[in-house]
Amino acid sequence: ILDVEGNKSRADLASSTGNSKLISVRSCPGFPVNSYEPINCFVNGHPLKIKPIEGTFTFISNWKTFTIPKDVVVVGIENMENFRLVYKQIEFFKSILGNSRLLFVSRYPQSSDLRNWLISLPNKYVHFGDFDLAGIKIFQTEFEHHIGERASFLIPSDIEGRIRFGSSKRYDDQYKYAGDISSNNKQLQDLINLINKSRKGYAQDGY
């Protein structure tokens, strides 16, 4: 048996050696996707409609053959609770991203699969992460650095008011390793300045 990457599966190892843990094999490559409206995609040339019912999402294992319409905006969500509950955030996303068709993705389980898939696309990518130094650093190093101008950081219009109720401890803990971040993007640099001025960070699940 071969996995979707063409490598030996854990079943092969167990069959030939009696021990599936002798060699490190990724038994679950890929990433989950979600949407609150139907999006017609393809996997290995076969049509796949992404439209999970509320309370579920779809996991894409054969991600190298997963293709989506070019007009779809991919929204990466760092917090798994926000990712699971996109139905409860429809108005929030529409207020920022308009009526664009949105495909939500998550890095869980964390690997380079999602990033490598995004690199292969022409689609725009919007990152919905925590509004703190660490969240911005994740966006810059894991996504913007590799995707370039197609990547942007989601910044709600009310973030200034939200930051006031953020966590000072969160800021102090993160400043030790992310206090030197900056951006050539004015909106993102304004957010960094706001975080540094208030000395607080705000978790995305507040939304």
N, C-alpha and C. Protein backbone atom coordinates (compact mmCIF):
# COMPACT_ATOMS: atom_id res chain seq x y z
N ILE A 1 0.85 -1.19 0.00
CA ILE A 1 0.00 0.00 0.00
C ILE A 1 0.87 1.24 0.00
N LEU A 2 0.52 2.23 -0.83
CA LEU A 2 1.23 3.50 -0.85
C LEU A 2 0.30 4.59 -0.36
N ASP A 3 0.87 5.58 0.34
CA ASP A 3 0.05 6.71 0.76
C ASP A 3 -0.09 7.69 -0.40
N VAL A 4 -0.76 8.82 -0.17
CA VAL A 4 -1.02 9.76 -1.27
C VAL A 4 0.24 10.40 -1.79
N GLU A 5 1.34 10.34 -1.06
CA GLU A 5 2.61 10.90 -1.51
C GLU A 5 3.42 9.86 -2.28
N GLY A 6 2.91 8.63 -2.38
CA GLY A 6 3.64 7.58 -3.08
C GLY A 6 4.64 6.87 -2.18
N ASN A 7 4.56 7.07 -0.88
CA ASN A 7 5.47 6.43 0.05
C ASN A 7 4.82 5.19 0.65
N LYS A 8 5.65 4.35 1.26
CA LYS A 8 5.12 3.18 1.94
C LYS A 8 4.22 3.61 3.08
N SER A 9 3.13 2.89 3.27
CA SER A 9 2.21 3.22 4.34
C SER A 9 2.61 2.49 5.62
N ARG A 10 1.96 2.87 6.73
CA ARG A 10 2.20 2.18 8.00
C ARG A 10 1.75 0.73 7.90
N ALA A 11 0.75 0.46 7.05
CA ALA A 11 0.29 -0.91 6.87
C ALA A 11 1.39 -1.77 6.27
N ASP A 12 2.15 -1.22 5.29
CA ASP A 12 3.27 -1.96 4.69
C ASP A 12 4.31 -2.30 5.75
N LEU A 13 4.64 -1.31 6.58
CA LEU A 13 5.66 -1.52 7.61
C LEU A 13 5.23 -2.58 8.61
N ALA A 14 3.97 -2.52 9.01
CA ALA A 14 3.47 -3.49 9.97
C ALA A 14 3.45 -4.88 9.37
N SER A 15 3.11 -4.97 8.07
CA SER A 15 3.03 -6.27 7.41
C SER A 15 4.40 -6.92 7.27
N SER A 16 5.42 -6.10 6.94
CA SER A 16 6.74 -6.66 6.66
C SER A 16 7.61 -6.80 7.90
N THR A 17 7.36 -6.00 8.93
CA THR A 17 8.24 -6.03 10.10
C THR A 17 7.50 -6.33 11.39
N GLY A 18 6.18 -6.25 11.36
CA GLY A 18 5.42 -6.44 12.59
C GLY A 18 5.42 -5.20 13.47
N ASN A 19 6.04 -4.11 12.98
CA ASN A 19 6.13 -2.89 13.79
C ASN A 19 6.00 -1.68 12.87
N SER A 20 4.89 -0.96 12.96
CA SER A 20 4.66 0.18 12.09
C SER A 20 5.43 1.42 12.53
N LYS A 21 6.13 1.34 13.66
CA LYS A 21 6.81 2.52 14.20
C LYS A 21 8.32 2.49 13.97
N LEU A 22 8.83 1.52 13.18
CA LEU A 22 10.26 1.45 12.92
C LEU A 22 10.73 2.64 12.10
N ILE A 23 9.90 3.11 11.19
CA ILE A 23 10.23 4.23 10.32
C ILE A 23 9.14 5.28 10.46
N SER A 24 9.53 6.53 10.52
CA SER A 24 8.55 7.60 10.64
C SER A 24 7.80 7.78 9.32
N VAL A 25 6.50 7.56 9.34
CA VAL A 25 5.67 7.71 8.16
C VAL A 25 4.49 8.61 8.52
N ARG A 26 4.23 9.62 7.71
CA ARG A 26 3.08 10.49 7.94
C ARG A 26 1.83 9.75 7.50
N SER A 27 1.02 9.35 8.45
CA SER A 27 -0.17 8.58 8.12
C SER A 27 -1.36 9.47 7.75
N CYS A 28 -1.25 10.79 7.99
CA CYS A 28 -2.38 11.67 7.69
C CYS A 28 -1.89 13.00 7.11
N PRO A 29 -1.39 13.00 5.87
CA PRO A 29 -1.00 14.26 5.23
C PRO A 29 -2.24 15.07 4.86
N GLY A 30 -2.04 16.35 4.60
CA GLY A 30 -3.15 17.17 4.14
C GLY A 30 -3.60 18.19 5.16
N PHE A 31 -4.82 18.70 4.96
CA PHE A 31 -5.35 19.75 5.82
C PHE A 31 -6.88 19.80 5.67
N PRO A 32 -7.58 20.34 6.67
CA PRO A 32 -9.03 20.47 6.60
C PRO A 32 -9.46 21.74 5.87
N VAL A 33 -10.62 21.69 5.23
CA VAL A 33 -11.21 22.85 4.56
C VAL A 33 -12.65 22.98 5.01
N ASN A 34 -13.17 24.19 4.91
CA ASN A 34 -14.54 24.45 5.33
C ASN A 34 -15.12 25.57 4.47
N SER A 35 -16.44 25.68 4.44
CA SER A 35 -17.11 26.75 3.70
C SER A 35 -18.54 26.85 4.18
N TYR A 36 -19.13 28.04 4.05
CA TYR A 36 -20.55 28.16 4.37
C TYR A 36 -21.39 28.33 3.11
N GLU A 37 -20.78 28.15 1.94
CA GLU A 37 -21.52 28.14 0.68
C GLU A 37 -20.85 27.11 -0.24
N PRO A 38 -21.59 26.52 -1.18
CA PRO A 38 -21.03 25.47 -2.03
C PRO A 38 -19.89 26.00 -2.90
N ILE A 39 -18.79 25.26 -2.96
CA ILE A 39 -17.67 25.58 -3.83
C ILE A 39 -17.29 24.31 -4.59
N ASN A 40 -17.38 24.37 -5.91
CA ASN A 40 -17.08 23.21 -6.74
C ASN A 40 -15.58 23.11 -6.99
N CYS A 41 -14.97 22.08 -6.47
CA CYS A 41 -13.52 21.87 -6.57
C CYS A 41 -13.25 20.54 -7.28
N PHE A 42 -11.96 20.21 -7.38
CA PHE A 42 -11.57 18.93 -7.97
C PHE A 42 -10.46 18.30 -7.14
N VAL A 43 -10.49 16.99 -7.03
CA VAL A 43 -9.41 16.21 -6.42
C VAL A 43 -9.05 15.09 -7.37
N ASN A 44 -7.80 15.11 -7.83
CA ASN A 44 -7.33 14.11 -8.79
C ASN A 44 -8.22 14.06 -10.03
N GLY A 45 -8.71 15.24 -10.43
CA GLY A 45 -9.54 15.33 -11.63
C GLY A 45 -11.01 15.02 -11.42
N HIS A 46 -11.38 14.61 -10.21
CA HIS A 46 -12.77 14.27 -9.91
C HIS A 46 -13.45 15.43 -9.19
N PRO A 47 -14.69 15.76 -9.57
CA PRO A 47 -15.39 16.88 -8.93
C PRO A 47 -15.67 16.62 -7.45
N LEU A 48 -15.52 17.66 -6.65
CA LEU A 48 -15.79 17.58 -5.22
C LEU A 48 -16.43 18.90 -4.80
N LYS A 49 -17.66 18.83 -4.30
CA LYS A 49 -18.34 20.04 -3.83
C LYS A 49 -18.04 20.22 -2.34
N ILE A 50 -17.39 21.34 -2.00
CA ILE A 50 -17.12 21.64 -0.60
C ILE A 50 -18.32 22.40 -0.05
N LYS A 51 -19.09 21.75 0.77
CA LYS A 51 -20.23 22.37 1.44
C LYS A 51 -20.58 21.54 2.67
N PRO A 52 -19.68 21.54 3.66
CA PRO A 52 -19.96 20.75 4.87
C PRO A 52 -21.19 21.29 5.59
N ILE A 53 -21.96 20.40 6.18
CA ILE A 53 -23.07 20.85 7.00
C ILE A 53 -22.51 21.46 8.28
N GLU A 54 -23.27 22.32 8.92
CA GLU A 54 -22.79 22.99 10.12
C GLU A 54 -22.37 21.96 11.16
N GLY A 55 -21.19 22.15 11.72
CA GLY A 55 -20.67 21.22 12.72
C GLY A 55 -19.71 20.20 12.15
N THR A 56 -19.43 20.27 10.82
CA THR A 56 -18.48 19.35 10.20
C THR A 56 -17.54 20.15 9.30
N PHE A 57 -16.48 19.49 8.83
CA PHE A 57 -15.62 20.06 7.80
C PHE A 57 -15.04 18.91 6.98
N THR A 58 -14.37 19.24 5.89
CA THR A 58 -13.82 18.24 4.98
C THR A 58 -12.30 18.20 5.10
N PHE A 59 -11.73 17.01 5.12
CA PHE A 59 -10.27 16.87 5.18
C PHE A 59 -9.74 16.47 3.80
N ILE A 60 -8.79 17.25 3.28
CA ILE A 60 -8.20 16.98 1.98
C ILE A 60 -6.85 16.29 2.19
N SER A 61 -6.80 15.01 1.90
CA SER A 61 -5.56 14.26 2.08
C SER A 61 -4.70 14.32 0.81
N ASN A 62 -5.31 14.13 -0.35
CA ASN A 62 -4.58 14.17 -1.62
C ASN A 62 -4.49 15.63 -2.09
N TRP A 63 -3.81 16.45 -1.29
CA TRP A 63 -3.81 17.90 -1.50
C TRP A 63 -3.08 18.35 -2.77
N LYS A 64 -2.14 17.56 -3.25
CA LYS A 64 -1.39 17.95 -4.45
C LYS A 64 -2.26 17.99 -5.70
N THR A 65 -3.40 17.29 -5.67
CA THR A 65 -4.30 17.30 -6.83
C THR A 65 -5.57 18.08 -6.54
N PHE A 66 -5.61 18.80 -5.42
CA PHE A 66 -6.79 19.56 -5.02
C PHE A 66 -6.76 20.94 -5.68
N THR A 67 -7.75 21.23 -6.53
CA THR A 67 -7.82 22.51 -7.23
C THR A 67 -9.14 23.19 -6.94
N ILE A 68 -9.11 24.54 -6.95
CA ILE A 68 -10.29 25.33 -6.63
C ILE A 68 -10.46 26.42 -7.69
N PRO A 69 -11.66 27.00 -7.84
CA PRO A 69 -11.86 28.10 -8.80
C PRO A 69 -10.95 29.27 -8.49
N LYS A 70 -10.49 29.97 -9.53
CA LYS A 70 -9.52 31.05 -9.36
C LYS A 70 -10.08 32.26 -8.63
N ASP A 71 -11.41 32.41 -8.63
CA ASP A 71 -11.99 33.58 -7.98
C ASP A 71 -12.25 33.37 -6.48
N VAL A 72 -11.99 32.18 -5.99
CA VAL A 72 -12.21 31.89 -4.56
C VAL A 72 -11.06 32.47 -3.74
N VAL A 73 -11.40 33.14 -2.65
CA VAL A 73 -10.40 33.65 -1.72
C VAL A 73 -10.18 32.61 -0.62
N VAL A 74 -8.94 32.23 -0.41
CA VAL A 74 -8.62 31.25 0.63
C VAL A 74 -8.36 32.00 1.93
N VAL A 75 -9.06 31.60 2.98
CA VAL A 75 -8.91 32.24 4.29
C VAL A 75 -8.33 31.22 5.27
N GLY A 76 -7.11 31.48 5.73
CA GLY A 76 -6.48 30.61 6.70
C GLY A 76 -6.87 31.02 8.11
N ILE A 77 -7.36 30.08 8.90
CA ILE A 77 -7.78 30.36 10.28
C ILE A 77 -6.89 29.60 11.24
N GLU A 78 -6.19 30.33 12.10
CA GLU A 78 -5.25 29.71 13.04
C GLU A 78 -5.97 28.96 14.16
N ASN A 79 -7.05 29.53 14.67
CA ASN A 79 -7.74 28.93 15.81
C ASN A 79 -8.74 27.89 15.33
N MET A 80 -8.65 26.66 15.85
CA MET A 80 -9.50 25.59 15.37
C MET A 80 -10.97 25.82 15.70
N GLU A 81 -11.25 26.49 16.80
CA GLU A 81 -12.65 26.76 17.14
C GLU A 81 -13.27 27.71 16.13
N ASN A 82 -12.56 28.77 15.76
CA ASN A 82 -13.06 29.68 14.73
C ASN A 82 -13.25 28.94 13.41
N PHE A 83 -12.33 28.04 13.10
CA PHE A 83 -12.42 27.27 11.85
C PHE A 83 -13.67 26.39 11.84
N ARG A 84 -13.94 25.74 12.94
CA ARG A 84 -15.10 24.84 13.01
C ARG A 84 -16.42 25.60 12.93
N LEU A 85 -16.42 26.83 13.43
CA LEU A 85 -17.67 27.58 13.57
C LEU A 85 -17.80 28.72 12.56
N VAL A 86 -17.39 28.48 11.31
CA VAL A 86 -17.47 29.55 10.31
C VAL A 86 -18.91 30.00 10.06
N TYR A 87 -19.88 29.10 10.24
CA TYR A 87 -21.27 29.47 10.04
C TYR A 87 -21.70 30.61 10.98
N LYS A 88 -21.10 30.66 12.15
CA LYS A 88 -21.46 31.69 13.12
C LYS A 88 -20.73 33.01 12.88
N GLN A 89 -19.86 33.03 11.86
CA GLN A 89 -19.08 34.22 11.58
C GLN A 89 -19.32 34.76 10.17
N ILE A 90 -20.43 34.35 9.55
CA ILE A 90 -20.71 34.75 8.17
C ILE A 90 -20.74 36.27 8.03
N GLU A 91 -21.47 36.95 8.88
CA GLU A 91 -21.58 38.40 8.78
C GLU A 91 -20.24 39.08 9.04
N PHE A 92 -19.45 38.51 9.95
CA PHE A 92 -18.12 39.05 10.26
C PHE A 92 -17.24 39.03 9.01
N PHE A 93 -17.19 37.90 8.32
CA PHE A 93 -16.34 37.79 7.14
C PHE A 93 -16.87 38.64 5.99
N LYS A 94 -18.18 38.69 5.83
CA LYS A 94 -18.76 39.51 4.76
C LYS A 94 -18.48 40.99 4.99
N SER A 95 -18.45 41.42 6.26
CA SER A 95 -18.21 42.83 6.55
C SER A 95 -16.79 43.25 6.17
N ILE A 96 -15.87 42.30 6.10
CA ILE A 96 -14.47 42.61 5.78
C ILE A 96 -14.13 42.23 4.34
N LEU A 97 -14.62 41.09 3.89
CA LEU A 97 -14.21 40.55 2.59
C LEU A 97 -15.31 40.65 1.54
N GLY A 98 -16.43 41.29 1.90
CA GLY A 98 -17.51 41.46 0.93
C GLY A 98 -18.17 40.15 0.55
N ASN A 99 -18.60 40.05 -0.70
CA ASN A 99 -19.32 38.87 -1.15
C ASN A 99 -18.42 37.86 -1.86
N SER A 100 -17.14 37.96 -1.66
CA SER A 100 -16.21 37.00 -2.26
C SER A 100 -16.53 35.59 -1.77
N ARG A 101 -16.36 34.62 -2.66
CA ARG A 101 -16.51 33.23 -2.24
C ARG A 101 -15.28 32.84 -1.43
N LEU A 102 -15.52 32.26 -0.26
CA LEU A 102 -14.43 31.99 0.67
C LEU A 102 -14.28 30.50 0.93
N LEU A 103 -13.05 30.02 0.84
CA LEU A 103 -12.72 28.66 1.27
C LEU A 103 -11.83 28.78 2.49
N PHE A 104 -12.27 28.23 3.60
CA PHE A 104 -11.52 28.32 4.85
C PHE A 104 -10.60 27.11 4.99
N VAL A 105 -9.38 27.36 5.41
CA VAL A 105 -8.40 26.29 5.58
C VAL A 105 -7.74 26.42 6.94
N SER A 106 -7.15 25.32 7.40
CA SER A 106 -6.48 25.30 8.70
C SER A 106 -5.16 24.57 8.58
N ARG A 107 -4.18 24.98 9.39
CA ARG A 107 -2.87 24.29 9.39
C ARG A 107 -2.90 23.03 10.26
N TYR A 108 -4.03 22.70 10.81
CA TYR A 108 -4.10 21.57 11.73
C TYR A 108 -4.37 20.29 10.95
N PRO A 109 -3.55 19.22 11.09
CA PRO A 109 -2.31 19.17 11.89
C PRO A 109 -1.19 19.97 11.23
N GLN A 110 -0.34 20.57 12.04
CA GLN A 110 0.68 21.48 11.50
C GLN A 110 1.70 20.74 10.64
N SER A 111 1.84 21.22 9.42
CA SER A 111 2.83 20.68 8.48
C SER A 111 3.00 21.74 7.40
N SER A 112 3.83 21.45 6.43
CA SER A 112 4.04 22.38 5.32
C SER A 112 3.06 22.14 4.18
N ASP A 113 2.15 21.17 4.32
CA ASP A 113 1.23 20.81 3.23
C ASP A 113 0.38 22.00 2.79
N LEU A 114 -0.24 22.68 3.75
CA LEU A 114 -1.10 23.80 3.40
C LEU A 114 -0.31 24.89 2.70
N ARG A 115 0.84 25.23 3.25
CA ARG A 115 1.66 26.28 2.64
C ARG A 115 2.08 25.90 1.22
N ASN A 116 2.51 24.68 1.03
CA ASN A 116 2.93 24.26 -0.30
C ASN A 116 1.77 24.26 -1.29
N TRP A 117 0.58 23.93 -0.82
CA TRP A 117 -0.59 23.99 -1.70
C TRP A 117 -0.88 25.44 -2.07
N LEU A 118 -0.81 26.35 -1.12
CA LEU A 118 -1.06 27.77 -1.38
C LEU A 118 -0.05 28.34 -2.37
N ILE A 119 1.19 27.91 -2.27
CA ILE A 119 2.24 28.38 -3.19
C ILE A 119 1.88 28.01 -4.63
N SER A 120 1.23 26.88 -4.82
CA SER A 120 0.91 26.39 -6.17
C SER A 120 -0.30 27.09 -6.78
N LEU A 121 -0.99 27.91 -6.00
CA LEU A 121 -2.24 28.53 -6.47
C LEU A 121 -2.03 29.95 -6.98
N PRO A 122 -2.98 30.44 -7.82
CA PRO A 122 -2.99 31.86 -8.19
C PRO A 122 -3.91 32.66 -7.25
N ASN A 123 -4.65 31.98 -6.39
CA ASN A 123 -5.68 32.61 -5.55
C ASN A 123 -5.11 33.52 -4.48
N LYS A 124 -5.93 34.49 -4.08
CA LYS A 124 -5.57 35.35 -2.96
C LYS A 124 -5.70 34.57 -1.65
N TYR A 125 -4.82 34.89 -0.71
CA TYR A 125 -4.85 34.25 0.60
C TYR A 125 -4.98 35.32 1.68
N VAL A 126 -5.94 35.14 2.59
CA VAL A 126 -6.15 36.06 3.70
C VAL A 126 -5.93 35.28 4.99
N HIS A 127 -5.06 35.80 5.86
CA HIS A 127 -4.72 35.10 7.10
C HIS A 127 -5.49 35.67 8.28
N PHE A 128 -6.28 34.84 8.92
CA PHE A 128 -7.04 35.24 10.11
C PHE A 128 -6.37 34.59 11.32
N GLY A 129 -5.48 35.37 11.95
CA GLY A 129 -4.74 34.85 13.10
C GLY A 129 -4.99 35.69 14.33
N ASP A 130 -4.21 35.43 15.37
CA ASP A 130 -4.31 36.23 16.59
C ASP A 130 -3.76 37.62 16.32
N PHE A 131 -4.33 38.60 16.99
CA PHE A 131 -3.90 39.98 16.82
C PHE A 131 -2.87 40.31 17.89
N ASP A 132 -1.72 39.69 17.72
CA ASP A 132 -0.60 39.88 18.63
C ASP A 132 0.69 39.68 17.86
N LEU A 133 1.82 39.90 18.52
CA LEU A 133 3.11 39.82 17.83
C LEU A 133 3.37 38.43 17.26
N ALA A 134 3.04 37.40 18.02
CA ALA A 134 3.28 36.03 17.56
C ALA A 134 2.40 35.69 16.36
N GLY A 135 1.15 36.14 16.39
CA GLY A 135 0.25 35.86 15.29
C GLY A 135 0.71 36.49 13.99
N ILE A 136 1.23 37.72 14.08
CA ILE A 136 1.74 38.40 12.89
C ILE A 136 3.03 37.74 12.40
N LYS A 137 3.85 37.31 13.34
CA LYS A 137 5.11 36.64 12.94
C LYS A 137 4.83 35.33 12.23
N ILE A 138 3.83 34.58 12.69
CA ILE A 138 3.44 33.34 12.01
C ILE A 138 3.02 33.65 10.57
N PHE A 139 2.20 34.67 10.40
CA PHE A 139 1.77 35.06 9.06
C PHE A 139 2.97 35.41 8.18
N GLN A 140 3.89 36.21 8.70
CA GLN A 140 5.02 36.67 7.90
C GLN A 140 5.97 35.54 7.52
N THR A 141 6.29 34.67 8.47
CA THR A 141 7.28 33.62 8.22
C THR A 141 6.71 32.39 7.52
N GLU A 142 5.49 32.01 7.89
CA GLU A 142 4.91 30.79 7.36
C GLU A 142 4.16 31.00 6.04
N PHE A 143 3.68 32.22 5.80
CA PHE A 143 2.83 32.44 4.63
C PHE A 143 3.32 33.57 3.73
N GLU A 144 3.35 34.80 4.23
CA GLU A 144 3.72 35.93 3.39
C GLU A 144 5.09 35.76 2.75
N HIS A 145 6.04 35.23 3.48
CA HIS A 145 7.39 35.03 2.96
C HIS A 145 7.39 34.13 1.73
N HIS A 146 6.48 33.17 1.69
CA HIS A 146 6.44 32.19 0.60
C HIS A 146 5.44 32.55 -0.49
N ILE A 147 4.33 33.21 -0.11
CA ILE A 147 3.27 33.49 -1.07
C ILE A 147 3.41 34.87 -1.69
N GLY A 148 4.00 35.80 -0.96
CA GLY A 148 4.22 37.14 -1.50
C GLY A 148 2.99 38.02 -1.45
N GLU A 149 2.78 38.81 -2.49
CA GLU A 149 1.72 39.82 -2.49
C GLU A 149 0.32 39.24 -2.52
N ARG A 150 0.18 37.95 -2.81
CA ARG A 150 -1.14 37.33 -2.77
C ARG A 150 -1.64 37.15 -1.34
N ALA A 151 -0.75 37.30 -0.37
CA ALA A 151 -1.11 37.07 1.04
C ALA A 151 -1.38 38.39 1.75
N SER A 152 -2.41 38.41 2.57
CA SER A 152 -2.72 39.58 3.39
C SER A 152 -3.22 39.13 4.76
N PHE A 153 -3.15 40.04 5.71
CA PHE A 153 -3.55 39.75 7.09
C PHE A 153 -4.91 40.38 7.34
N LEU A 154 -5.86 39.59 7.83
CA LEU A 154 -7.20 40.10 8.07
C LEU A 154 -7.20 41.02 9.29
N ILE A 155 -7.63 42.28 9.09
CA ILE A 155 -7.65 43.26 10.17
C ILE A 155 -9.06 43.85 10.28
N PRO A 156 -9.84 43.49 11.28
CA PRO A 156 -11.20 44.02 11.45
C PRO A 156 -11.18 45.52 11.75
N SER A 157 -12.26 46.21 11.41
CA SER A 157 -12.32 47.65 11.60
C SER A 157 -12.37 48.05 13.07
N ASP A 158 -12.79 47.12 13.94
CA ASP A 158 -12.91 47.46 15.36
C ASP A 158 -11.73 46.98 16.20
N ILE A 159 -10.62 46.63 15.54
CA ILE A 159 -9.52 46.01 16.28
C ILE A 159 -8.92 46.95 17.33
N GLU A 160 -8.92 48.25 17.08
CA GLU A 160 -8.35 49.17 18.06
C GLU A 160 -9.10 49.09 19.39
N GLY A 161 -10.43 49.04 19.32
CA GLY A 161 -11.22 48.91 20.53
C GLY A 161 -11.03 47.57 21.19
N ARG A 162 -10.87 46.52 20.40
CA ARG A 162 -10.68 45.17 20.95
C ARG A 162 -9.35 45.05 21.68
N ILE A 163 -8.31 45.65 21.09
CA ILE A 163 -6.98 45.55 21.67
C ILE A 163 -6.95 46.09 23.10
N ARG A 164 -7.77 47.08 23.38
CA ARG A 164 -7.80 47.67 24.73
C ARG A 164 -8.15 46.64 25.79
N PHE A 165 -8.89 45.62 25.39
CA PHE A 165 -9.29 44.56 26.32
C PHE A 165 -8.42 43.32 26.16
N GLY A 166 -7.28 43.48 25.49
CA GLY A 166 -6.37 42.36 25.28
C GLY A 166 -5.55 42.02 26.51
N SER A 167 -4.58 41.15 26.31
CA SER A 167 -3.77 40.63 27.41
C SER A 167 -2.37 41.24 27.42
N SER A 168 -2.01 41.87 28.54
CA SER A 168 -0.66 42.41 28.70
C SER A 168 0.36 41.29 28.84
N LYS A 169 -0.02 40.23 29.54
CA LYS A 169 0.90 39.10 29.72
C LYS A 169 1.20 38.46 28.37
N ARG A 170 0.20 38.36 27.53
CA ARG A 170 0.40 37.81 26.19
C ARG A 170 1.45 38.62 25.44
N TYR A 171 1.34 39.94 25.53
CA TYR A 171 2.30 40.82 24.86
C TYR A 171 3.70 40.65 25.44
N ASP A 172 3.82 40.69 26.76
CA ASP A 172 5.14 40.59 27.41
C ASP A 172 5.83 39.28 27.09
N ASP A 173 5.08 38.19 27.09
CA ASP A 173 5.66 36.86 26.80
C ASP A 173 6.16 36.79 25.36
N GLN A 174 5.42 37.40 24.43
CA GLN A 174 5.76 37.30 23.02
C GLN A 174 6.83 38.30 22.59
N TYR A 175 6.94 39.38 23.31
CA TYR A 175 7.90 40.42 22.93
C TYR A 175 9.33 39.88 22.94
N LYS A 176 9.58 38.89 23.77
CA LYS A 176 10.92 38.32 23.91
C LYS A 176 11.42 37.72 22.59
N TYR A 177 10.52 37.16 21.79
CA TYR A 177 10.95 36.51 20.54
C TYR A 177 10.32 37.11 19.28
N ALA A 178 9.37 38.03 19.44
CA ALA A 178 8.73 38.61 18.26
C ALA A 178 8.65 40.13 18.32
N GLY A 179 9.38 40.72 19.25
CA GLY A 179 9.29 42.16 19.42
C GLY A 179 9.93 42.97 18.32
N ASP A 180 10.68 42.32 17.43
CA ASP A 180 11.40 43.05 16.37
C ASP A 180 10.68 43.02 15.03
N ILE A 181 9.44 42.51 14.99
CA ILE A 181 8.76 42.40 13.70
C ILE A 181 8.37 43.76 13.16
N SER A 182 8.35 43.86 11.84
CA SER A 182 7.89 45.07 11.15
C SER A 182 7.37 44.64 9.79
N SER A 183 6.72 45.57 9.08
CA SER A 183 6.15 45.22 7.79
C SER A 183 6.21 46.40 6.83
N ASN A 184 6.37 46.10 5.54
CA ASN A 184 6.31 47.13 4.51
C ASN A 184 4.87 47.47 4.14
N ASN A 185 3.95 46.63 4.60
CA ASN A 185 2.54 46.88 4.37
C ASN A 185 2.02 47.86 5.43
N LYS A 186 1.49 49.00 5.00
CA LYS A 186 1.10 50.04 5.94
C LYS A 186 0.05 49.56 6.93
N GLN A 187 -0.99 48.87 6.46
CA GLN A 187 -2.04 48.41 7.36
C GLN A 187 -1.51 47.46 8.41
N LEU A 188 -0.63 46.56 7.99
CA LEU A 188 -0.08 45.61 8.94
C LEU A 188 0.87 46.31 9.91
N GLN A 189 1.66 47.27 9.41
CA GLN A 189 2.56 48.01 10.29
C GLN A 189 1.75 48.85 11.29
N ASP A 190 0.63 49.39 10.85
CA ASP A 190 -0.24 50.14 11.77
C ASP A 190 -0.74 49.23 12.89
N LEU A 191 -1.06 47.98 12.56
CA LEU A 191 -1.50 47.03 13.58
C LEU A 191 -0.36 46.72 14.54
N ILE A 192 0.84 46.52 14.01
CA ILE A 192 2.01 46.28 14.86
C ILE A 192 2.22 47.46 15.80
N ASN A 193 2.12 48.68 15.27
CA ASN A 193 2.29 49.88 16.09
C ASN A 193 1.23 49.95 17.19
N LEU A 194 -0.01 49.58 16.84
CA LEU A 194 -1.10 49.59 17.81
C LEU A 194 -0.84 48.60 18.94
N ILE A 195 -0.38 47.41 18.57
CA ILE A 195 -0.08 46.38 19.58
C ILE A 195 1.05 46.84 20.49
N ASN A 196 2.10 47.42 19.91
CA ASN A 196 3.23 47.89 20.71
C ASN A 196 2.84 49.09 21.59
N LYS A 197 1.99 49.95 21.08
CA LYS A 197 1.57 51.12 21.86
C LYS A 197 0.71 50.70 23.06
N SER A 198 -0.20 49.77 22.83
CA SER A 198 -1.09 49.32 23.91
C SER A 198 -0.43 48.28 24.81
N ARG A 199 0.64 47.64 24.27
CA ARG A 199 1.35 46.57 24.98
C ARG A 199 0.39 45.45 25.37
N LYS A 200 -0.50 45.13 24.41
CA LYS A 200 -1.47 44.06 24.63
C LYS A 200 -1.66 43.26 23.34
N GLY A 201 -2.11 42.03 23.51
CA GLY A 201 -2.42 41.19 22.37
C GLY A 201 -3.83 40.65 22.52
N TYR A 202 -4.50 40.41 21.38
CA TYR A 202 -5.90 39.97 21.40
C TYR A 202 -6.06 38.68 20.62
N ALA A 203 -6.67 37.68 21.24
CA ALA A 203 -6.86 36.37 20.59
C ALA A 203 -7.98 36.42 19.58
N GLN A 204 -7.82 35.75 18.45
CA GLN A 204 -8.81 35.78 17.38
C GLN A 204 -10.14 35.16 17.79
N ASP A 205 -10.13 34.21 18.74
CA ASP A 205 -11.39 33.60 19.13
C ASP A 205 -12.31 34.56 19.87
N GLY A 206 -11.82 35.77 20.16
CA GLY A 206 -12.70 36.82 20.69
C GLY A 206 -13.77 37.21 19.69
N TYR A 207 -13.51 36.90 18.41
CA TYR A 207 -14.49 37.19 17.36
C TYR A 207 -15.45 36.03 17.14
